[in-house]
Amino acid sequence: MTDILCSILFVVGTLFLLFSGIGLIRLPDAYNRLQASTKAITLGMCSILLGVALKYGLSAEGVKAILAIMVIFATATVSAHTLARGAYRFGIKPHKKTFRDDCSRATEQQENEND
């Protein structure tokens, strides 16, 4: 039963990684690509690592997989936010069909506070 559950987690993780790759190719701008890659890769890698943790139990490999899941959850979202904010400040504009731009309001507020 454990092997079947591990296999399902491996397949689900692989599908999320595949969807992430497709998103990187198909989406129109850097922000959408960053969103697709961050969410899908986080879910995909955590699913695969959870399968590893279930397969090996509380051995060294299982504990390392659980620790890696915690590190991925803690760092992936922060790094994606930092990259997106840096890209916006660098001048990379969102796609023309983007209808909500919260960063422009934050940038205007900062400029007003600095004046």
C-alpha atoms as a PDB file:
ATOM      1  CA  MET A   1       0.000   0.000   0.000  1.00  0.00           C
ATOM      2  CA  THR A   2       2.845   2.380   0.809  1.00  0.00           C
ATOM      3  CA  ASP A   3       4.469   1.731  -2.572  1.00  0.00           C
ATOM      4  CA  ILE A   4       1.247   2.601  -4.376  1.00  0.00           C
ATOM      5  CA  LEU A   5       0.867   5.846  -2.415  1.00  0.00           C
ATOM      6  CA  CYS A   6       4.506   6.739  -3.074  1.00  0.00           C
ATOM      7  CA  SER A   7       4.060   6.074  -6.780  1.00  0.00           C
ATOM      8  CA  ILE A   8       0.965   8.286  -6.871  1.00  0.00           C
ATOM      9  CA  LEU A   9       2.872  11.096  -5.141  1.00  0.00           C
ATOM     10  CA  PHE A  10       5.755  10.707  -7.604  1.00  0.00           C
ATOM     11  CA  VAL A  11       3.399  10.887 -10.593  1.00  0.00           C
ATOM     12  CA  VAL A  12       1.524  13.899  -9.190  1.00  0.00           C
ATOM     13  CA  GLY A  13       4.821  15.668  -8.491  1.00  0.00           C
ATOM     14  CA  THR A  14       6.080  14.926 -11.975  1.00  0.00           C
ATOM     15  CA  LEU A  15       2.871  16.299 -13.502  1.00  0.00           C
ATOM     16  CA  PHE A  16       3.224  19.523 -11.520  1.00  0.00           C
ATOM     17  CA  LEU A  17       6.803  19.864 -12.747  1.00  0.00           C
ATOM     18  CA  LEU A  18       5.603  19.272 -16.311  1.00  0.00           C
ATOM     19  CA  PHE A  19       2.896  21.938 -15.910  1.00  0.00           C
ATOM     20  CA  SER A  20       5.525  24.315 -14.583  1.00  0.00           C
ATOM     21  CA  GLY A  21       7.662  23.791 -17.678  1.00  0.00           C
ATOM     22  CA  ILE A  22       4.672  24.345 -19.941  1.00  0.00           C
ATOM     23  CA  GLY A  23       3.822  27.522 -18.014  1.00  0.00           C
ATOM     24  CA  LEU A  24       7.335  28.848 -18.503  1.00  0.00           C
ATOM     25  CA  ILE A  25       6.988  28.433 -22.243  1.00  0.00           C
ATOM     26  CA  ARG A  26       3.385  29.531 -22.759  1.00  0.00           C
ATOM     27  CA  LEU A  27       2.761  32.424 -20.371  1.00  0.00           C
ATOM     28  CA  PRO A  28       3.188  35.976 -21.694  1.00  0.00           C
ATOM     29  CA  ASP A  29       5.362  37.849 -19.190  1.00  0.00           C
ATOM     30  CA  ALA A  30       7.934  37.411 -16.458  1.00  0.00           C
ATOM     31  CA  TYR A  31       5.434  37.755 -13.623  1.00  0.00           C
ATOM     32  CA  ASN A  32       3.083  35.065 -14.904  1.00  0.00           C
ATOM     33  CA  ARG A  33       6.027  32.776 -15.593  1.00  0.00           C
ATOM     34  CA  LEU A  34       7.349  33.353 -12.108  1.00  0.00           C
ATOM     35  CA  GLN A  35       3.931  32.538 -10.658  1.00  0.00           C
ATOM     36  CA  ALA A  36       3.640  29.322 -12.643  1.00  0.00           C
ATOM     37  CA  SER A  37       7.110  28.128 -11.876  1.00  0.00           C
ATOM     38  CA  THR A  38       6.973  28.936  -8.172  1.00  0.00           C
ATOM     39  CA  LYS A  39       3.612  27.362  -7.414  1.00  0.00           C
ATOM     40  CA  ALA A  40       3.961  24.303  -9.604  1.00  0.00           C
ATOM     41  CA  ILE A  41       7.558  23.547  -8.703  1.00  0.00           C
ATOM     42  CA  THR A  42       6.843  23.967  -4.999  1.00  0.00           C
ATOM     43  CA  LEU A  43       3.903  21.576  -5.167  1.00  0.00           C
ATOM     44  CA  GLY A  44       5.732  19.174  -7.466  1.00  0.00           C
ATOM     45  CA  MET A  45       8.925  18.969  -5.459  1.00  0.00           C
ATOM     46  CA  CYS A  46       7.072  18.722  -2.164  1.00  0.00           C
ATOM     47  CA  SER A  47       4.932  15.905  -3.544  1.00  0.00           C
ATOM     48  CA  ILE A  48       7.988  13.991  -4.732  1.00  0.00           C
ATOM     49  CA  LEU A  49       9.817  14.576  -1.455  1.00  0.00           C
ATOM     50  CA  LEU A  50       6.755  13.474   0.507  1.00  0.00           C
ATOM     51  CA  GLY A  51       6.781  10.256  -1.510  1.00  0.00           C
ATOM     52  CA  VAL A  52      10.459   9.791  -0.620  1.00  0.00           C
ATOM     53  CA  ALA A  53       9.701  10.426   3.058  1.00  0.00           C
ATOM     54  CA  LEU A  54       6.905   7.853   2.998  1.00  0.00           C
ATOM     55  CA  LYS A  55       9.060   5.306   1.208  1.00  0.00           C
ATOM     56  CA  TYR A  56      12.044   5.577   3.563  1.00  0.00           C
ATOM     57  CA  GLY A  57      10.218   6.384   6.816  1.00  0.00           C
ATOM     58  CA  LEU A  58      12.245   7.907   9.635  1.00  0.00           C
ATOM     59  CA  SER A  59      15.605   6.933   8.199  1.00  0.00           C
ATOM     60  CA  ALA A  60      18.184   9.553   7.227  1.00  0.00           C
ATOM     61  CA  GLU A  61      16.713   9.868   3.724  1.00  0.00           C
ATOM     62  CA  GLY A  62      13.159  10.366   5.009  1.00  0.00           C
ATOM     63  CA  VAL A  63      14.174  12.998   7.533  1.00  0.00           C
ATOM     64  CA  LYS A  64      16.190  14.860   4.897  1.00  0.00           C
ATOM     65  CA  ALA A  65      13.183  14.825   2.574  1.00  0.00           C
ATOM     66  CA  ILE A  66      10.947  16.288   5.290  1.00  0.00           C
ATOM     67  CA  LEU A  67      13.522  18.988   6.044  1.00  0.00           C
ATOM     68  CA  ALA A  68      13.799  19.775   2.338  1.00  0.00           C
ATOM     69  CA  ILE A  69      10.007  20.223   2.152  1.00  0.00           C
ATOM     70  CA  MET A  70      10.165  22.769   4.965  1.00  0.00           C
ATOM     71  CA  VAL A  71      13.044  24.628   3.306  1.00  0.00           C
ATOM     72  CA  ILE A  72      11.253  24.737  -0.057  1.00  0.00           C
ATOM     73  CA  PHE A  73       8.057  26.102   1.494  1.00  0.00           C
ATOM     74  CA  ALA A  74       9.991  28.717   3.456  1.00  0.00           C
ATOM     75  CA  THR A  75      12.199  29.966   0.634  1.00  0.00           C
ATOM     76  CA  ALA A  76      10.259  29.557  -2.623  1.00  0.00           C
ATOM     77  CA  THR A  77       7.573  32.122  -1.886  1.00  0.00           C
ATOM     78  CA  VAL A  78       9.992  34.681  -0.463  1.00  0.00           C
ATOM     79  CA  SER A  79      12.390  34.345  -3.375  1.00  0.00           C
ATOM     80  CA  ALA A  80       9.580  34.607  -5.934  1.00  0.00           C
ATOM     81  CA  HIS A  81       8.267  37.765  -4.283  1.00  0.00           C
ATOM     82  CA  THR A  82      11.753  39.262  -4.200  1.00  0.00           C
ATOM     83  CA  LEU A  83      12.385  38.444  -7.856  1.00  0.00           C
ATOM     84  CA  ALA A  84       9.053  39.920  -8.939  1.00  0.00           C
ATOM     85  CA  ARG A  85       9.605  43.090  -6.940  1.00  0.00           C
ATOM     86  CA  GLY A  86      13.116  43.467  -8.326  1.00  0.00           C
ATOM     87  CA  ALA A  87      11.897  42.931 -11.873  1.00  0.00           C
ATOM     88  CA  TYR A  88       9.244  45.609 -11.418  1.00  0.00           C
ATOM     89  CA  ARG A  89      11.719  48.082  -9.976  1.00  0.00           C
ATOM     90  CA  PHE A  90      14.112  47.319 -12.816  1.00  0.00           C
ATOM     91  CA  GLY A  91      11.417  48.425 -15.238  1.00  0.00           C
ATOM     92  CA  ILE A  92       9.981  45.198 -16.620  1.00  0.00           C
ATOM     93  CA  LYS A  93       6.334  45.991 -17.261  1.00  0.00           C
ATOM     94  CA  PRO A  94       3.490  43.489 -16.913  1.00  0.00           C
ATOM     95  CA  HIS A  95       1.718  42.140 -19.984  1.00  0.00           C
ATOM     96  CA  LYS A  96      -0.676  44.606 -21.637  1.00  0.00           C
ATOM     97  CA  LYS A  97      -3.699  42.465 -20.677  1.00  0.00           C
ATOM     98  CA  THR A  98      -2.843  42.652 -16.981  1.00  0.00           C
ATOM     99  CA  PHE A  99      -5.721  44.502 -15.376  1.00  0.00           C
ATOM    100  CA  ARG A 100      -4.389  44.961 -11.832  1.00  0.00           C
ATOM    101  CA  ASP A 101      -1.018  46.427 -10.952  1.00  0.00           C
ATOM    102  CA  ASP A 102      -0.577  46.697  -7.191  1.00  0.00           C
ATOM    103  CA  CYS A 103       3.127  47.459  -7.484  1.00  0.00           C
ATOM    104  CA  SER A 104       2.525  50.788  -9.215  1.00  0.00           C
ATOM    105  CA  ARG A 105       0.514  52.038  -6.252  1.00  0.00           C
ATOM    106  CA  ALA A 106       3.187  50.883  -3.808  1.00  0.00           C
ATOM    107  CA  THR A 107       5.899  52.578  -5.889  1.00  0.00           C
ATOM    108  CA  GLU A 108       3.908  55.834  -6.024  1.00  0.00           C
ATOM    109  CA  GLN A 109       3.401  55.775  -2.240  1.00  0.00           C
ATOM    110  CA  GLN A 110       7.118  55.275  -1.672  1.00  0.00           C
ATOM    111  CA  GLU A 111       7.979  58.148  -3.992  1.00  0.00           C
ATOM    112  CA  ASN A 112       5.485  60.410  -2.196  1.00  0.00           C
ATOM    113  CA  GLU A 113       6.954  59.486   1.185  1.00  0.00           C
ATOM    114  CA  ASN A 114      10.495  60.210  -0.021  1.00  0.00           C
ATOM    115  CA  ASP A 115       9.561  63.706  -1.279  1.00  0.00           C
END
